Amino acid sequence: MNMKKVTIAVLAIAAASFSMGAHAANITGTNDSIETQLCVAAASGNNAKFHRAVRQSQQSIRFIGKSVACNGINIKDFAAMHGADVISAKLARYQDKTDFLTATAKR
């Protein structure tokens, strides 16, 4: 009975990892600019890869969250579009909320 549970658990883990790999986006950059590296790292969903790209850019994550656009989309939405929800949530903290408030307050 114990061996049966172990076998089922191994098969379940294998199936889950296979399905995650099948849905992972294979994003490649068109050039070697730091912005492209940031976009590729953000879309990958790999937290370590993203933070390494942030360090290499020598910019703050706040600046990156506010100013970097990937294919015409801000980096937070680009990451979310490719399933990198953790990185997208991290970048969402640095979005400028005052622009939205100012835009809705005008008559």
N, C-alpha and C. Protein backbone atom coordinates (compact mmCIF):
# COMPACT_ATOMS: atom_id res chain seq x y z
N MET A 1 0.82 -1.19 0.00
CA MET A 1 0.00 0.00 0.00
C MET A 1 0.87 1.26 0.00
N ASN A 2 1.94 1.25 0.77
CA ASN A 2 2.81 2.41 0.86
C ASN A 2 3.50 2.67 -0.48
N MET A 3 3.93 1.62 -1.16
CA MET A 3 4.59 1.77 -2.46
C MET A 3 3.62 2.34 -3.49
N LYS A 4 2.36 1.99 -3.39
CA LYS A 4 1.35 2.50 -4.31
C LYS A 4 1.18 4.01 -4.14
N LYS A 5 1.18 4.49 -2.89
CA LYS A 5 1.07 5.92 -2.62
C LYS A 5 2.28 6.67 -3.16
N VAL A 6 3.46 6.10 -2.98
CA VAL A 6 4.68 6.74 -3.47
C VAL A 6 4.64 6.83 -4.99
N THR A 7 4.22 5.77 -5.65
CA THR A 7 4.13 5.76 -7.11
C THR A 7 3.14 6.80 -7.61
N ILE A 8 2.01 6.90 -6.97
CA ILE A 8 1.01 7.90 -7.36
C ILE A 8 1.55 9.31 -7.15
N ALA A 9 2.23 9.53 -6.03
CA ALA A 9 2.80 10.85 -5.76
C ALA A 9 3.85 11.22 -6.81
N VAL A 10 4.70 10.28 -7.16
CA VAL A 10 5.74 10.55 -8.17
C VAL A 10 5.10 10.86 -9.52
N LEU A 11 4.09 10.11 -9.90
CA LEU A 11 3.40 10.36 -11.17
C LEU A 11 2.71 11.72 -11.17
N ALA A 12 2.12 12.09 -10.04
CA ALA A 12 1.45 13.38 -9.95
C ALA A 12 2.45 14.53 -10.08
N ILE A 13 3.59 14.40 -9.42
CA ILE A 13 4.62 15.43 -9.50
C ILE A 13 5.17 15.51 -10.92
N ALA A 14 5.40 14.38 -11.54
CA ALA A 14 5.92 14.36 -12.91
C ALA A 14 4.93 15.01 -13.87
N ALA A 15 3.65 14.72 -13.71
CA ALA A 15 2.63 15.31 -14.58
C ALA A 15 2.55 16.82 -14.38
N ALA A 16 2.63 17.26 -13.13
CA ALA A 16 2.58 18.69 -12.85
C ALA A 16 3.78 19.41 -13.44
N SER A 17 4.96 18.85 -13.29
CA SER A 17 6.16 19.51 -13.82
C SER A 17 6.15 19.51 -15.34
N PHE A 18 5.61 18.46 -15.96
CA PHE A 18 5.52 18.42 -17.41
C PHE A 18 4.57 19.49 -17.92
N SER A 19 3.42 19.65 -17.26
CA SER A 19 2.45 20.64 -17.72
C SER A 19 2.96 22.05 -17.49
N MET A 20 3.73 22.28 -16.44
CA MET A 20 4.30 23.60 -16.21
C MET A 20 5.32 23.92 -17.29
N GLY A 21 6.11 22.97 -17.68
CA GLY A 21 7.10 23.18 -18.72
C GLY A 21 6.45 23.41 -20.08
N ALA A 22 5.32 22.79 -20.30
CA ALA A 22 4.63 22.95 -21.58
C ALA A 22 4.03 24.33 -21.73
N HIS A 23 3.65 24.97 -20.62
CA HIS A 23 3.04 26.28 -20.68
C HIS A 23 4.03 27.41 -20.49
N ALA A 24 5.26 27.13 -20.16
CA ALA A 24 6.25 28.17 -19.94
C ALA A 24 6.55 28.88 -21.25
N ALA A 25 6.57 30.21 -21.19
CA ALA A 25 6.83 31.00 -22.38
C ALA A 25 8.32 30.96 -22.71
N ASN A 26 8.60 30.79 -23.98
CA ASN A 26 9.98 30.81 -24.43
C ASN A 26 10.21 32.16 -25.08
N ILE A 27 10.58 33.13 -24.29
CA ILE A 27 10.76 34.50 -24.75
C ILE A 27 12.23 34.71 -25.09
N THR A 28 12.49 35.26 -26.25
CA THR A 28 13.86 35.62 -26.63
C THR A 28 13.88 37.08 -27.03
N GLY A 29 14.98 37.74 -26.73
CA GLY A 29 15.13 39.14 -27.06
C GLY A 29 15.62 39.33 -28.48
N THR A 30 15.28 40.48 -29.04
CA THR A 30 15.74 40.79 -30.39
C THR A 30 17.08 41.50 -30.39
N ASN A 31 17.47 42.03 -29.23
CA ASN A 31 18.78 42.66 -29.11
C ASN A 31 19.32 42.42 -27.71
N ASP A 32 20.49 42.95 -27.42
CA ASP A 32 21.13 42.71 -26.13
C ASP A 32 21.03 43.89 -25.18
N SER A 33 20.06 44.78 -25.39
CA SER A 33 19.94 45.94 -24.50
C SER A 33 19.50 45.48 -23.12
N ILE A 34 19.79 46.30 -22.14
CA ILE A 34 19.44 45.95 -20.76
C ILE A 34 17.92 45.91 -20.59
N GLU A 35 17.20 46.76 -21.32
CA GLU A 35 15.74 46.74 -21.24
C GLU A 35 15.19 45.41 -21.75
N THR A 36 15.78 44.92 -22.83
CA THR A 36 15.35 43.63 -23.37
C THR A 36 15.64 42.51 -22.38
N GLN A 37 16.80 42.56 -21.75
CA GLN A 37 17.15 41.55 -20.75
C GLN A 37 16.18 41.60 -19.58
N LEU A 38 15.78 42.80 -19.16
CA LEU A 38 14.81 42.94 -18.07
C LEU A 38 13.46 42.36 -18.47
N CYS A 39 13.03 42.62 -19.69
CA CYS A 39 11.73 42.11 -20.16
C CYS A 39 11.74 40.59 -20.24
N VAL A 40 12.81 40.03 -20.79
CA VAL A 40 12.90 38.57 -20.91
C VAL A 40 12.93 37.93 -19.53
N ALA A 41 13.69 38.53 -18.61
CA ALA A 41 13.78 37.99 -17.25
C ALA A 41 12.44 38.10 -16.53
N ALA A 42 11.74 39.21 -16.71
CA ALA A 42 10.44 39.38 -16.06
C ALA A 42 9.43 38.38 -16.59
N ALA A 43 9.43 38.15 -17.90
CA ALA A 43 8.48 37.21 -18.50
C ALA A 43 8.79 35.77 -18.16
N SER A 44 10.05 35.49 -17.83
CA SER A 44 10.43 34.10 -17.52
C SER A 44 9.81 33.61 -16.22
N GLY A 45 9.51 34.53 -15.32
CA GLY A 45 8.96 34.14 -14.03
C GLY A 45 10.01 33.66 -13.05
N ASN A 46 11.27 33.69 -13.45
CA ASN A 46 12.38 33.25 -12.61
C ASN A 46 12.84 34.45 -11.78
N ASN A 47 12.53 34.42 -10.49
CA ASN A 47 12.83 35.53 -9.60
C ASN A 47 14.32 35.85 -9.56
N ALA A 48 15.16 34.83 -9.49
CA ALA A 48 16.61 35.05 -9.43
C ALA A 48 17.12 35.68 -10.71
N LYS A 49 16.62 35.22 -11.84
CA LYS A 49 17.04 35.78 -13.13
C LYS A 49 16.62 37.25 -13.24
N PHE A 50 15.41 37.56 -12.77
CA PHE A 50 14.93 38.94 -12.81
C PHE A 50 15.77 39.84 -11.92
N HIS A 51 16.06 39.41 -10.70
CA HIS A 51 16.86 40.25 -9.80
C HIS A 51 18.29 40.41 -10.29
N ARG A 52 18.82 39.41 -10.95
CA ARG A 52 20.15 39.52 -11.55
C ARG A 52 20.14 40.58 -12.66
N ALA A 53 19.08 40.59 -13.47
CA ALA A 53 18.95 41.59 -14.53
C ALA A 53 18.78 42.99 -13.94
N VAL A 54 18.04 43.10 -12.84
CA VAL A 54 17.87 44.40 -12.17
C VAL A 54 19.22 44.91 -11.67
N ARG A 55 20.00 44.04 -11.04
CA ARG A 55 21.33 44.44 -10.55
C ARG A 55 22.24 44.86 -11.70
N GLN A 56 22.20 44.12 -12.80
CA GLN A 56 23.05 44.44 -13.95
C GLN A 56 22.64 45.75 -14.60
N SER A 57 21.38 46.12 -14.48
CA SER A 57 20.91 47.38 -15.08
C SER A 57 21.40 48.59 -14.30
N GLN A 58 21.79 48.40 -13.05
CA GLN A 58 22.24 49.46 -12.16
C GLN A 58 21.16 50.52 -11.95
N GLN A 59 19.90 50.09 -12.03
CA GLN A 59 18.76 50.95 -11.76
C GLN A 59 17.96 50.34 -10.62
N SER A 60 17.16 51.16 -9.97
CA SER A 60 16.32 50.64 -8.90
C SER A 60 15.11 49.93 -9.49
N ILE A 61 14.57 49.01 -8.73
CA ILE A 61 13.38 48.30 -9.20
C ILE A 61 12.20 49.28 -9.32
N ARG A 62 12.21 50.33 -8.52
CA ARG A 62 11.18 51.37 -8.61
C ARG A 62 11.25 52.07 -9.97
N PHE A 63 12.46 52.44 -10.38
CA PHE A 63 12.65 53.09 -11.68
C PHE A 63 12.24 52.15 -12.82
N ILE A 64 12.63 50.89 -12.71
CA ILE A 64 12.31 49.90 -13.74
C ILE A 64 10.80 49.70 -13.83
N GLY A 65 10.15 49.59 -12.68
CA GLY A 65 8.70 49.39 -12.67
C GLY A 65 7.93 50.55 -13.27
N LYS A 66 8.47 51.76 -13.14
CA LYS A 66 7.78 52.93 -13.65
C LYS A 66 8.11 53.24 -15.11
N SER A 67 9.31 52.86 -15.58
CA SER A 67 9.74 53.38 -16.87
C SER A 67 10.00 52.35 -17.97
N VAL A 68 10.17 51.09 -17.64
CA VAL A 68 10.51 50.11 -18.69
C VAL A 68 9.24 49.58 -19.35
N ALA A 69 9.25 49.59 -20.67
CA ALA A 69 8.15 49.03 -21.46
C ALA A 69 8.68 47.90 -22.33
N CYS A 70 7.89 46.86 -22.45
CA CYS A 70 8.25 45.69 -23.25
C CYS A 70 7.22 45.54 -24.37
N ASN A 71 7.65 45.69 -25.60
CA ASN A 71 6.75 45.62 -26.76
C ASN A 71 5.57 46.58 -26.61
N GLY A 72 5.83 47.77 -26.08
CA GLY A 72 4.80 48.78 -25.91
C GLY A 72 3.91 48.60 -24.70
N ILE A 73 4.20 47.62 -23.86
CA ILE A 73 3.41 47.34 -22.65
C ILE A 73 4.33 47.54 -21.45
N ASN A 74 3.81 48.13 -20.37
CA ASN A 74 4.69 48.28 -19.21
C ASN A 74 5.12 46.91 -18.70
N ILE A 75 6.27 46.89 -18.06
CA ILE A 75 6.92 45.62 -17.69
C ILE A 75 6.06 44.78 -16.74
N LYS A 76 5.29 45.43 -15.88
CA LYS A 76 4.41 44.69 -14.95
C LYS A 76 3.36 43.91 -15.71
N ASP A 77 2.70 44.56 -16.65
CA ASP A 77 1.66 43.88 -17.43
C ASP A 77 2.26 42.83 -18.36
N PHE A 78 3.46 43.09 -18.87
CA PHE A 78 4.15 42.13 -19.74
C PHE A 78 4.45 40.85 -18.96
N ALA A 79 4.93 41.01 -17.73
CA ALA A 79 5.21 39.84 -16.89
C ALA A 79 3.93 39.08 -16.58
N ALA A 80 2.86 39.79 -16.26
CA ALA A 80 1.58 39.14 -15.95
C ALA A 80 1.03 38.42 -17.18
N MET A 81 1.20 39.01 -18.35
CA MET A 81 0.71 38.42 -19.59
C MET A 81 1.38 37.07 -19.87
N HIS A 82 2.63 36.93 -19.39
CA HIS A 82 3.37 35.69 -19.61
C HIS A 82 3.35 34.77 -18.40
N GLY A 83 2.46 35.06 -17.44
CA GLY A 83 2.27 34.16 -16.31
C GLY A 83 3.24 34.33 -15.16
N ALA A 84 4.02 35.39 -15.16
CA ALA A 84 4.98 35.64 -14.09
C ALA A 84 4.30 36.50 -13.02
N ASP A 85 3.36 35.90 -12.31
CA ASP A 85 2.53 36.65 -11.37
C ASP A 85 3.30 37.20 -10.18
N VAL A 86 4.30 36.48 -9.70
CA VAL A 86 5.08 36.95 -8.54
C VAL A 86 5.87 38.20 -8.92
N ILE A 87 6.50 38.19 -10.07
CA ILE A 87 7.27 39.35 -10.51
C ILE A 87 6.33 40.50 -10.83
N SER A 88 5.20 40.22 -11.44
CA SER A 88 4.22 41.25 -11.74
C SER A 88 3.71 41.91 -10.46
N ALA A 89 3.44 41.13 -9.43
CA ALA A 89 2.98 41.68 -8.15
C ALA A 89 4.06 42.54 -7.51
N LYS A 90 5.31 42.11 -7.64
CA LYS A 90 6.41 42.89 -7.08
C LYS A 90 6.53 44.23 -7.80
N LEU A 91 6.39 44.23 -9.12
CA LEU A 91 6.48 45.47 -9.88
C LEU A 91 5.26 46.36 -9.66
N ALA A 92 4.12 45.77 -9.33
CA ALA A 92 2.90 46.55 -9.11
C ALA A 92 3.04 47.49 -7.93
N ARG A 93 3.89 47.14 -6.99
CA ARG A 93 4.10 48.01 -5.83
C ARG A 93 4.72 49.34 -6.22
N TYR A 94 5.38 49.36 -7.37
CA TYR A 94 6.11 50.56 -7.78
C TYR A 94 5.41 51.33 -8.88
N GLN A 95 4.21 50.93 -9.25
CA GLN A 95 3.46 51.67 -10.25
C GLN A 95 3.02 52.99 -9.65
N ASP A 96 2.97 54.00 -10.46
CA ASP A 96 2.63 55.33 -9.98
C ASP A 96 1.11 55.45 -9.90
N LYS A 97 0.59 55.47 -8.69
CA LYS A 97 -0.85 55.55 -8.48
C LYS A 97 -1.36 56.98 -8.63
N THR A 98 -0.49 57.98 -8.51
CA THR A 98 -0.93 59.36 -8.59
C THR A 98 -1.40 59.72 -9.99
N ASP A 99 -0.84 59.11 -11.03
CA ASP A 99 -1.30 59.40 -12.39
C ASP A 99 -2.77 59.02 -12.55
N PHE A 100 -3.16 57.89 -12.01
CA PHE A 100 -4.55 57.45 -12.10
C PHE A 100 -5.45 58.39 -11.31
N LEU A 101 -5.04 58.77 -10.12
CA LEU A 101 -5.86 59.65 -9.29
C LEU A 101 -5.99 61.02 -9.93
N THR A 102 -4.92 61.55 -10.50
CA THR A 102 -4.97 62.85 -11.15
C THR A 102 -5.87 62.80 -12.38
N ALA A 103 -5.77 61.74 -13.15
CA ALA A 103 -6.56 61.61 -14.37
C ALA A 103 -8.05 61.50 -14.06
N THR A 104 -8.41 60.87 -12.96
CA THR A 104 -9.83 60.72 -12.64
C THR A 104 -10.38 61.94 -11.91
N ALA A 105 -9.51 62.79 -11.37
CA ALA A 105 -9.98 63.95 -10.62
C ALA A 105 -10.26 65.14 -11.52
N LYS A 106 -9.70 65.17 -12.71
CA LYS A 106 -9.91 66.31 -13.61
C LYS A 106 -11.31 66.29 -14.19
N ARG A 107 -11.81 67.49 -14.47
CA ARG A 107 -13.16 67.61 -15.07
C ARG A 107 -13.06 67.97 -16.50
